[in-house]
Amino acid sequence: MKQIKLISCLLIFAVSGSNHLWGQEKKNSFAVSGSIAHYIGIEDYDVTPFDGYYAFPISPGAELIYSRQIFPRIELCTGINFQGVSVASNVDISYDYFLRFNYQEISIPLLMRINFPLKAQNKWYFTVGAYQGSQLGIMAEIPLKGGWGKWNDLTPIAGYSNDHLFSDIYLDVGYSKTHSWGDLSIAPFFKYRANPTWLN
């Protein structure tokens, strides 16, 4: 959590500190985004007898981003991100049970966006940066005869740890179209977990 607080302080300093350098030329903006993500790299087993194992789930999320232009084509961005996660995992409880997990991730992004303007104020853009966050509300489930049941105690799970903090490297390429009511953007993105938690 200290890591998240440090990043937050640096973001506030970087965004607010640029005001006196650029005066009235600076532009501020807010964006509300929705996202769908698919988590890969977490091994799954051949568990076809178990309906609903969701080896390939889609995880929905939402994000609020504040951006500040520091150069004509460059913006610094920060905010808050929330992601719901459903994954299959190779961690087990030493009883030959295979588990699935539901949890949430909350993170703070530190991003730099480079804009490539087009006609009518439309643009392509490229974003790079990092997300610092924590996994919350981790719930494990096991397959039972009548469906999936909650596994209440996580501590017997192989490799369990209280370390829920993570750092993600982030890249996207997006397109933004300007309308009378604002901008509408779409951006396929890629995240790489630089320091996997015990669950990954």
Protein backbone atom coordinates (compact mmCIF):
# COMPACT_ATOMS: atom_id res chain seq x y z
CA MET A 1 0.00 0.00 0.00
CA LYS A 2 2.99 2.33 0.57
CA GLN A 3 3.85 1.88 -3.12
CA ILE A 4 0.38 3.09 -4.13
CA LYS A 5 0.59 6.14 -1.84
CA LEU A 6 4.00 7.09 -3.25
CA ILE A 7 2.76 6.84 -6.84
CA SER A 8 -0.30 8.94 -5.93
CA CYS A 9 1.85 11.70 -4.44
CA LEU A 10 4.16 11.75 -7.48
CA LEU A 11 1.15 11.95 -9.81
CA ILE A 12 -0.39 14.87 -7.92
CA PHE A 13 2.96 16.70 -7.94
CA ALA A 14 3.59 16.06 -11.65
CA VAL A 15 0.11 17.10 -12.77
CA SER A 16 -0.28 20.17 -10.54
CA GLY A 17 3.34 21.28 -10.84
CA SER A 18 3.14 21.75 -14.59
CA ASN A 19 0.52 24.53 -14.30
CA HIS A 20 2.88 27.45 -13.70
CA LEU A 21 5.10 26.36 -16.59
CA TRP A 22 2.41 26.31 -19.24
CA GLY A 23 -0.26 28.71 -17.94
CA GLN A 24 -3.39 29.04 -20.02
CA GLU A 25 -2.16 26.66 -22.71
CA LYS A 26 -2.79 23.62 -20.54
CA LYS A 27 -5.87 21.50 -21.14
CA ASN A 28 -7.52 19.29 -18.56
CA SER A 29 -9.94 16.49 -19.32
CA PHE A 30 -11.80 13.66 -17.62
CA ALA A 31 -12.75 10.35 -19.18
CA VAL A 32 -15.06 7.62 -17.92
CA SER A 33 -14.29 4.24 -19.48
CA GLY A 34 -15.57 0.70 -19.47
CA SER A 35 -13.32 -2.26 -20.20
CA ILE A 36 -13.41 -5.97 -20.84
CA ALA A 37 -10.29 -8.01 -20.14
CA HIS A 38 -9.20 -11.60 -20.54
CA TYR A 39 -6.48 -12.83 -18.19
CA ILE A 40 -3.95 -15.25 -19.67
CA GLY A 41 -0.93 -17.03 -18.25
CA ILE A 42 -2.85 -18.66 -15.40
CA GLU A 43 -2.77 -22.39 -16.19
CA ASP A 44 -6.01 -24.31 -16.48
CA TYR A 45 -6.65 -28.02 -16.34
CA ASP A 46 -8.84 -30.36 -18.37
CA VAL A 47 -11.89 -29.88 -16.18
CA THR A 48 -14.65 -30.54 -18.68
CA PRO A 49 -16.72 -32.49 -16.10
CA PHE A 50 -17.05 -29.30 -14.09
CA ASP A 51 -19.52 -26.93 -15.70
CA GLY A 52 -18.81 -23.25 -15.32
CA TYR A 53 -15.09 -23.50 -14.64
CA TYR A 54 -14.63 -20.52 -16.99
CA ALA A 55 -11.13 -21.24 -18.21
CA PHE A 56 -11.57 -18.33 -20.65
CA PRO A 57 -13.64 -15.71 -18.80
CA ILE A 58 -14.27 -12.09 -19.69
CA SER A 59 -13.68 -9.74 -16.76
CA PRO A 60 -15.51 -6.36 -16.80
CA GLY A 61 -14.07 -3.15 -15.41
CA ALA A 62 -14.47 0.62 -15.15
CA GLU A 63 -12.05 3.53 -15.00
CA LEU A 64 -12.03 7.26 -14.26
CA ILE A 65 -9.06 9.08 -15.82
CA TYR A 66 -7.87 12.67 -15.40
CA SER A 67 -5.56 13.92 -18.17
CA ARG A 68 -3.43 17.05 -18.38
CA GLN A 69 -1.70 18.24 -21.52
CA ILE A 70 1.95 19.09 -20.86
CA PHE A 71 3.13 19.46 -24.47
CA PRO A 72 1.08 20.00 -27.65
CA ARG A 73 0.75 16.25 -28.30
CA ILE A 74 1.57 14.75 -24.91
CA GLU A 75 -0.66 14.22 -21.89
CA LEU A 76 -0.07 12.81 -18.40
CA CYS A 77 -2.96 10.75 -17.08
CA THR A 78 -3.95 9.34 -13.71
CA GLY A 79 -7.11 8.22 -11.96
CA ILE A 80 -8.58 5.05 -10.55
CA ASN A 81 -9.35 1.67 -12.13
CA PHE A 82 -11.64 -1.10 -10.91
CA GLN A 83 -11.64 -4.57 -12.47
CA GLY A 84 -13.71 -7.61 -11.64
CA VAL A 85 -11.78 -10.84 -12.21
CA SER A 86 -12.82 -14.46 -12.72
CA VAL A 87 -10.03 -16.94 -13.33
CA ALA A 88 -9.18 -20.60 -13.36
CA SER A 89 -5.92 -21.34 -11.59
CA ASN A 90 -3.42 -24.13 -11.08
CA VAL A 91 -3.12 -23.48 -7.34
CA ASP A 92 -4.70 -26.21 -5.27
CA ILE A 93 -5.37 -27.27 -1.70
CA SER A 94 -3.43 -30.54 -1.85
CA TYR A 95 -6.61 -32.60 -2.04
CA ASP A 96 -6.75 -32.88 -5.84
CA TYR A 97 -9.42 -30.19 -5.99
CA PHE A 98 -9.17 -27.61 -8.72
CA LEU A 99 -10.23 -24.13 -7.73
CA ARG A 100 -11.67 -21.13 -9.47
CA PHE A 101 -11.39 -17.60 -8.10
CA ASN A 102 -13.42 -14.41 -8.06
CA TYR A 103 -11.93 -11.15 -6.84
CA GLN A 104 -11.57 -7.47 -7.60
CA GLU A 105 -8.57 -5.37 -8.51
CA ILE A 106 -8.33 -1.67 -7.70
CA SER A 107 -5.39 0.29 -9.08
CA ILE A 108 -3.98 3.73 -9.78
CA PRO A 109 -2.61 4.37 -13.28
CA LEU A 110 0.37 6.57 -14.16
CA LEU A 111 0.20 7.02 -17.93
CA MET A 112 1.67 9.09 -20.74
CA ARG A 113 -0.41 9.54 -23.89
CA ILE A 114 0.94 10.69 -27.26
CA ASN A 115 -1.70 12.09 -29.63
CA PHE A 116 -1.63 12.04 -33.44
CA PRO A 117 -4.25 14.59 -34.60
CA LEU A 118 -6.44 14.01 -37.65
CA LYS A 119 -9.07 16.16 -39.35
CA ALA A 120 -12.13 17.46 -37.45
CA GLN A 121 -10.30 17.11 -34.10
CA ASN A 122 -10.29 13.31 -34.35
CA LYS A 123 -7.07 11.55 -33.39
CA TRP A 124 -5.09 8.38 -33.00
CA TYR A 125 -3.21 7.98 -29.74
CA PHE A 126 -0.66 5.75 -28.07
CA THR A 127 -0.59 5.25 -24.29
CA VAL A 128 2.15 3.75 -22.14
CA GLY A 129 2.55 3.53 -18.39
CA ALA A 130 1.95 1.45 -15.28
CA TYR A 131 -0.85 0.49 -12.91
CA GLN A 132 -0.13 0.01 -9.20
CA GLY A 133 -2.86 -1.85 -7.35
CA SER A 134 -4.16 -4.47 -4.99
CA GLN A 135 -6.37 -7.55 -5.22
CA LEU A 136 -9.43 -7.43 -2.96
CA GLY A 137 -12.17 -9.80 -1.82
CA ILE A 138 -10.54 -12.99 -3.09
CA MET A 139 -13.00 -15.89 -3.02
CA ALA A 140 -12.14 -19.48 -3.92
CA GLU A 141 -14.66 -22.07 -5.07
CA ILE A 142 -14.45 -25.86 -5.47
CA PRO A 143 -16.51 -28.16 -7.72
CA LEU A 144 -19.19 -30.11 -5.83
CA LYS A 145 -21.88 -32.52 -6.98
CA GLY A 146 -24.55 -29.85 -6.80
CA GLY A 147 -22.41 -27.12 -8.39
CA TRP A 148 -19.68 -24.86 -7.12
CA GLY A 149 -19.17 -24.31 -3.40
CA LYS A 150 -17.25 -21.62 -1.58
CA TRP A 151 -13.90 -22.56 -0.06
CA ASN A 152 -13.78 -20.34 3.01
CA ASP A 153 -10.20 -20.77 4.20
CA LEU A 154 -7.54 -19.68 1.69
CA THR A 155 -4.53 -20.49 3.88
CA PRO A 156 -4.22 -24.22 2.89
CA ILE A 157 -3.93 -23.24 -0.77
CA ALA A 158 -0.47 -23.94 -2.15
CA GLY A 159 1.69 -20.82 -2.12
CA TYR A 160 -0.87 -18.67 -0.30
CA SER A 161 0.44 -15.29 0.80
CA ASN A 162 -0.93 -12.00 2.11
CA ASP A 163 0.87 -10.21 -0.71
CA HIS A 164 -1.95 -8.88 -2.88
CA LEU A 165 -0.11 -5.89 -4.37
CA PHE A 166 0.73 -5.87 -8.07
CA SER A 167 2.35 -3.70 -10.74
CA ASP A 168 1.15 -3.83 -14.35
CA ILE A 169 2.91 -2.42 -17.41
CA TYR A 170 0.30 -0.94 -19.76
CA LEU A 171 0.17 -0.26 -23.52
CA ASP A 172 -2.67 0.73 -25.80
CA VAL A 173 -3.34 2.13 -29.28
CA GLY A 174 -6.61 4.02 -29.56
CA TYR A 175 -8.80 6.09 -31.83
CA SER A 176 -10.88 9.05 -30.64
CA LYS A 177 -13.74 10.65 -32.57
CA THR A 178 -15.00 14.09 -31.59
CA HIS A 179 -18.76 14.76 -31.33
CA SER A 180 -20.72 17.83 -30.23
CA TRP A 181 -21.21 16.29 -26.77
CA GLY A 182 -17.60 15.10 -26.34
CA ASP A 183 -15.16 12.46 -27.53
CA LEU A 184 -15.78 8.75 -28.00
CA SER A 185 -12.73 6.46 -27.95
CA ILE A 186 -11.88 2.82 -28.41
CA ALA A 187 -8.51 1.36 -27.44
CA PRO A 188 -7.37 -2.28 -27.46
CA PHE A 189 -4.92 -2.63 -24.58
CA PHE A 190 -2.30 -4.97 -23.19
CA LYS A 191 -1.19 -5.32 -19.57
CA TYR A 192 1.76 -7.32 -18.32
CA ARG A 193 1.94 -8.17 -14.62
CA ALA A 194 5.50 -7.28 -13.66
CA ASN A 195 5.29 -8.67 -10.10
CA PRO A 196 2.79 -11.53 -9.96
CA THR A 197 0.98 -12.12 -6.68
CA TRP A 198 0.70 -15.57 -5.12
CA LEU A 199 -2.52 -16.19 -7.07
CA ASN A 200 -0.81 -15.68 -10.45
